[in-house]
């Protein structure tokens, strides 16, 4: 995401489909930041769409996991996979 920000001066879109589209080349310069068929489709390894959340300090990319269900309230056995990616502390403006 930092490379995208460096190139375009802004974060990629935060809606999941638009996020993966932008990072896989559907951006104004057709630059590919991520590759792979499933990534291009915004799907996790179990073919469930990722969820993407953005805050001022980080990105959170969430997979539903092997059970293909997001476990919002699960206390035991939640298999969701979370990737928390810090945003760089510097921005090119």
N, C-alpha and C. Protein backbone atom coordinates (compact mmCIF):
# COMPACT_ATOMS: atom_id res chain seq x y z
N UNK A 1 0.81 -1.18 0.00
CA UNK A 1 0.00 0.00 0.00
C UNK A 1 0.87 1.26 0.00
N UNK A 2 2.04 1.17 0.64
CA UNK A 2 2.93 2.34 0.62
C UNK A 2 3.39 2.64 -0.80
N UNK A 3 3.67 1.59 -1.60
CA UNK A 3 4.09 1.82 -2.99
C UNK A 3 2.98 2.50 -3.78
N UNK A 4 1.74 2.09 -3.54
CA UNK A 4 0.60 2.72 -4.22
C UNK A 4 0.53 4.19 -3.82
N UNK A 5 0.66 4.45 -2.51
CA UNK A 5 0.61 5.84 -2.02
C UNK A 5 1.77 6.66 -2.59
N UNK A 6 2.96 6.06 -2.66
CA UNK A 6 4.10 6.78 -3.23
C UNK A 6 3.84 7.14 -4.69
N UNK A 7 3.22 6.23 -5.42
CA UNK A 7 2.97 6.46 -6.85
C UNK A 7 1.86 7.46 -7.10
N UNK A 8 0.78 7.38 -6.33
CA UNK A 8 -0.42 8.18 -6.62
C UNK A 8 -0.68 9.29 -5.61
N UNK A 9 0.07 9.34 -4.51
CA UNK A 9 -0.12 10.39 -3.52
C UNK A 9 -1.37 10.22 -2.67
N UNK A 10 -1.95 9.02 -2.69
CA UNK A 10 -3.15 8.73 -1.91
C UNK A 10 -3.22 7.23 -1.66
N UNK A 11 -4.06 6.84 -0.69
CA UNK A 11 -4.26 5.42 -0.41
C UNK A 11 -5.13 4.80 -1.49
N UNK A 12 -5.02 3.48 -1.67
CA UNK A 12 -5.97 2.81 -2.56
C UNK A 12 -7.38 2.90 -1.98
N UNK A 13 -8.40 2.68 -2.77
CA UNK A 13 -9.77 2.72 -2.25
C UNK A 13 -9.93 1.72 -1.11
N UNK A 14 -10.84 2.01 -0.17
CA UNK A 14 -11.00 1.11 0.97
C UNK A 14 -12.09 0.06 0.78
N UNK A 15 -12.93 0.19 -0.22
CA UNK A 15 -13.92 -0.85 -0.52
C UNK A 15 -13.15 -2.03 -1.12
N UNK A 16 -13.45 -3.25 -0.65
CA UNK A 16 -12.62 -4.42 -0.96
C UNK A 16 -12.40 -4.64 -2.46
N UNK A 17 -13.43 -4.68 -3.27
CA UNK A 17 -13.26 -4.95 -4.70
C UNK A 17 -12.42 -3.85 -5.35
N UNK A 18 -12.74 -2.60 -5.08
CA UNK A 18 -11.97 -1.48 -5.65
C UNK A 18 -10.52 -1.50 -5.16
N UNK A 19 -10.31 -1.90 -3.92
CA UNK A 19 -8.97 -2.01 -3.34
C UNK A 19 -8.12 -3.00 -4.14
N UNK A 20 -8.65 -4.21 -4.33
CA UNK A 20 -7.89 -5.23 -5.06
C UNK A 20 -7.78 -4.88 -6.54
N UNK A 21 -8.81 -4.29 -7.12
CA UNK A 21 -8.71 -3.85 -8.52
C UNK A 21 -7.57 -2.86 -8.68
N UNK A 22 -7.51 -1.86 -7.80
CA UNK A 22 -6.48 -0.82 -7.91
C UNK A 22 -5.08 -1.41 -7.75
N UNK A 23 -4.92 -2.35 -6.83
CA UNK A 23 -3.60 -2.92 -6.58
C UNK A 23 -3.18 -3.95 -7.62
N UNK A 24 -4.14 -4.46 -8.40
CA UNK A 24 -3.79 -5.44 -9.43
C UNK A 24 -3.80 -4.85 -10.83
N UNK A 25 -3.72 -3.52 -10.92
CA UNK A 25 -3.52 -2.89 -12.21
C UNK A 25 -4.65 -2.04 -12.74
N UNK A 26 -5.82 -2.08 -12.10
CA UNK A 26 -6.93 -1.24 -12.56
C UNK A 26 -6.83 0.12 -11.87
N UNK A 27 -5.79 0.85 -12.26
CA UNK A 27 -5.55 2.19 -11.75
C UNK A 27 -5.13 3.07 -12.92
N UNK A 28 -5.02 4.34 -12.72
CA UNK A 28 -4.83 5.26 -13.85
C UNK A 28 -3.51 5.08 -14.60
N UNK A 29 -2.55 4.36 -14.04
CA UNK A 29 -1.29 4.09 -14.75
C UNK A 29 -1.11 2.60 -15.06
N UNK A 30 -2.11 1.79 -14.75
CA UNK A 30 -2.09 0.34 -15.00
C UNK A 30 -0.89 -0.35 -14.34
N UNK A 31 -0.49 0.15 -13.18
CA UNK A 31 0.63 -0.44 -12.44
C UNK A 31 0.11 -1.60 -11.59
N UNK A 32 0.82 -2.72 -11.64
CA UNK A 32 0.46 -3.90 -10.86
C UNK A 32 1.30 -3.91 -9.59
N UNK A 33 0.64 -3.80 -8.44
CA UNK A 33 1.30 -3.85 -7.14
C UNK A 33 1.17 -5.24 -6.52
N UNK A 34 0.12 -5.97 -6.84
CA UNK A 34 -0.12 -7.35 -6.39
C UNK A 34 -0.50 -8.17 -7.60
N UNK A 35 -0.16 -9.45 -7.59
CA UNK A 35 -0.54 -10.29 -8.72
C UNK A 35 -1.08 -11.63 -8.21
N UNK A 36 -1.69 -12.35 -9.10
CA UNK A 36 -2.27 -13.65 -8.79
C UNK A 36 -3.76 -13.62 -9.07
N UNK A 37 -4.29 -14.69 -9.62
CA UNK A 37 -5.70 -14.76 -10.02
C UNK A 37 -6.64 -14.52 -8.84
N UNK A 38 -6.42 -15.24 -7.73
CA UNK A 38 -7.32 -15.07 -6.58
C UNK A 38 -7.24 -13.66 -6.02
N UNK A 39 -6.03 -13.11 -5.93
CA UNK A 39 -5.87 -11.75 -5.43
C UNK A 39 -6.60 -10.78 -6.35
N UNK A 40 -6.46 -10.97 -7.64
CA UNK A 40 -7.13 -10.08 -8.60
C UNK A 40 -8.64 -10.13 -8.42
N UNK A 41 -9.16 -11.29 -8.04
CA UNK A 41 -10.60 -11.43 -7.80
C UNK A 41 -10.99 -11.01 -6.40
N UNK A 42 -10.01 -10.67 -5.54
CA UNK A 42 -10.30 -10.28 -4.16
C UNK A 42 -10.76 -11.44 -3.30
N UNK A 43 -10.28 -12.65 -3.63
CA UNK A 43 -10.72 -13.84 -2.92
C UNK A 43 -9.60 -14.43 -2.08
N UNK A 44 -9.96 -14.95 -0.91
CA UNK A 44 -8.99 -15.63 -0.07
C UNK A 44 -8.76 -17.05 -0.60
N UNK A 45 -7.86 -17.82 0.03
CA UNK A 45 -7.59 -19.17 -0.47
C UNK A 45 -8.80 -20.11 -0.47
N UNK A 46 -9.86 -19.76 0.27
CA UNK A 46 -11.07 -20.57 0.33
C UNK A 46 -12.17 -19.98 -0.57
N UNK A 47 -11.77 -19.05 -1.44
CA UNK A 47 -12.65 -18.44 -2.44
C UNK A 47 -13.78 -17.61 -1.82
N UNK A 48 -13.48 -16.98 -0.71
CA UNK A 48 -14.41 -16.06 -0.05
C UNK A 48 -13.83 -14.65 -0.19
N UNK A 49 -14.66 -13.67 -0.52
CA UNK A 49 -14.13 -12.30 -0.65
C UNK A 49 -13.50 -11.79 0.64
N UNK A 50 -12.36 -11.14 0.49
CA UNK A 50 -11.72 -10.50 1.63
C UNK A 50 -12.56 -9.31 2.09
N UNK A 51 -12.40 -8.94 3.35
CA UNK A 51 -12.90 -7.66 3.85
C UNK A 51 -11.68 -6.76 4.03
N UNK A 52 -11.85 -5.48 3.75
CA UNK A 52 -10.75 -4.52 3.88
C UNK A 52 -11.23 -3.36 4.73
N UNK A 53 -10.43 -3.02 5.74
CA UNK A 53 -10.73 -1.89 6.61
C UNK A 53 -9.52 -0.96 6.61
N UNK A 54 -9.80 0.32 6.68
CA UNK A 54 -8.73 1.32 6.66
C UNK A 54 -8.90 2.25 7.85
N UNK A 55 -7.81 2.52 8.55
CA UNK A 55 -7.80 3.52 9.61
C UNK A 55 -6.65 4.48 9.30
N UNK A 56 -6.52 5.56 10.04
CA UNK A 56 -5.40 6.46 9.78
C UNK A 56 -4.03 5.80 9.97
N UNK A 57 -3.96 4.74 10.78
CA UNK A 57 -2.66 4.15 11.08
C UNK A 57 -2.37 2.82 10.40
N UNK A 58 -3.40 2.11 9.92
CA UNK A 58 -3.14 0.80 9.33
C UNK A 58 -4.28 0.33 8.43
N UNK A 59 -3.96 -0.71 7.66
CA UNK A 59 -4.94 -1.45 6.87
C UNK A 59 -5.18 -2.76 7.59
N UNK A 60 -6.40 -3.25 7.54
CA UNK A 60 -6.72 -4.57 8.06
C UNK A 60 -7.40 -5.33 6.94
N UNK A 61 -6.79 -6.43 6.53
CA UNK A 61 -7.34 -7.28 5.48
C UNK A 61 -7.73 -8.59 6.17
N UNK A 62 -8.98 -8.97 5.99
CA UNK A 62 -9.54 -10.09 6.75
C UNK A 62 -10.08 -11.16 5.81
N UNK A 63 -9.69 -12.40 6.10
CA UNK A 63 -10.20 -13.57 5.41
C UNK A 63 -11.15 -14.30 6.35
N UNK A 64 -12.21 -14.87 5.82
CA UNK A 64 -13.15 -15.62 6.65
C UNK A 64 -12.57 -16.94 7.13
N UNK A 65 -11.51 -17.38 6.52
CA UNK A 65 -10.89 -18.64 6.94
C UNK A 65 -11.54 -19.85 6.31
N UNK A 66 -11.10 -21.00 6.76
CA UNK A 66 -11.51 -22.26 6.15
C UNK A 66 -13.02 -22.50 6.24
N UNK A 67 -13.69 -21.98 7.27
CA UNK A 67 -15.14 -22.21 7.36
C UNK A 67 -15.95 -21.25 6.49
N UNK A 68 -15.26 -20.31 5.84
CA UNK A 68 -15.86 -19.35 4.90
C UNK A 68 -16.93 -18.48 5.54
N UNK A 69 -16.85 -18.31 6.87
CA UNK A 69 -17.79 -17.44 7.59
C UNK A 69 -17.00 -16.50 8.48
N UNK A 70 -17.33 -15.22 8.44
CA UNK A 70 -16.67 -14.25 9.31
C UNK A 70 -17.18 -14.45 10.73
N UNK A 71 -16.26 -14.63 11.66
CA UNK A 71 -16.58 -14.94 13.04
C UNK A 71 -16.50 -13.69 13.91
N UNK A 72 -17.47 -12.79 13.74
CA UNK A 72 -17.45 -11.53 14.47
C UNK A 72 -17.56 -11.71 15.98
N UNK A 73 -18.36 -12.65 16.42
CA UNK A 73 -18.62 -12.79 17.86
C UNK A 73 -18.06 -14.07 18.45
N UNK A 74 -17.33 -14.83 17.67
CA UNK A 74 -16.83 -16.12 18.15
C UNK A 74 -15.76 -15.91 19.23
N UNK A 75 -15.89 -16.65 20.32
CA UNK A 75 -14.89 -16.60 21.38
C UNK A 75 -13.92 -17.76 21.27
N UNK A 76 -14.40 -18.89 20.77
CA UNK A 76 -13.55 -20.08 20.63
C UNK A 76 -13.55 -20.53 19.18
N UNK A 77 -12.39 -20.91 18.71
CA UNK A 77 -12.30 -21.55 17.42
C UNK A 77 -12.45 -20.63 16.22
N UNK A 78 -12.42 -19.34 16.43
CA UNK A 78 -12.52 -18.45 15.28
C UNK A 78 -11.34 -18.71 14.35
N UNK A 79 -11.63 -18.92 13.08
CA UNK A 79 -10.55 -19.23 12.15
C UNK A 79 -10.28 -18.10 11.17
N UNK A 80 -10.85 -16.94 11.41
CA UNK A 80 -10.59 -15.80 10.54
C UNK A 80 -9.09 -15.50 10.53
N UNK A 81 -8.61 -15.05 9.39
CA UNK A 81 -7.20 -14.70 9.23
C UNK A 81 -7.14 -13.19 9.04
N UNK A 82 -6.39 -12.52 9.91
CA UNK A 82 -6.29 -11.06 9.86
C UNK A 82 -4.87 -10.66 9.51
N UNK A 83 -4.75 -9.72 8.58
CA UNK A 83 -3.46 -9.14 8.23
C UNK A 83 -3.55 -7.66 8.53
N UNK A 84 -2.80 -7.22 9.54
CA UNK A 84 -2.76 -5.81 9.91
C UNK A 84 -1.48 -5.23 9.32
N UNK A 85 -1.64 -4.25 8.44
CA UNK A 85 -0.51 -3.68 7.72
C UNK A 85 -0.39 -2.21 8.12
N UNK A 86 0.67 -1.85 8.83
CA UNK A 86 0.83 -0.44 9.22
C UNK A 86 1.03 0.44 8.01
N UNK A 87 0.46 1.63 8.08
CA UNK A 87 0.74 2.63 7.04
C UNK A 87 2.07 3.27 7.37
N UNK A 88 2.78 3.67 6.34
CA UNK A 88 4.06 4.32 6.60
C UNK A 88 3.81 5.63 7.31
N UNK A 89 4.77 6.06 8.07
CA UNK A 89 4.60 7.29 8.85
C UNK A 89 4.84 8.54 8.01
N UNK A 90 5.37 8.35 6.83
CA UNK A 90 5.60 9.51 5.96
C UNK A 90 4.68 9.44 4.77
N UNK A 91 4.22 10.59 4.35
CA UNK A 91 3.37 10.66 3.16
C UNK A 91 3.98 11.66 2.19
N UNK A 92 3.91 11.34 0.96
CA UNK A 92 4.36 12.27 -0.07
C UNK A 92 3.16 13.10 -0.49
N UNK A 93 3.21 14.38 -0.24
CA UNK A 93 2.08 15.26 -0.61
C UNK A 93 2.47 16.22 -1.70
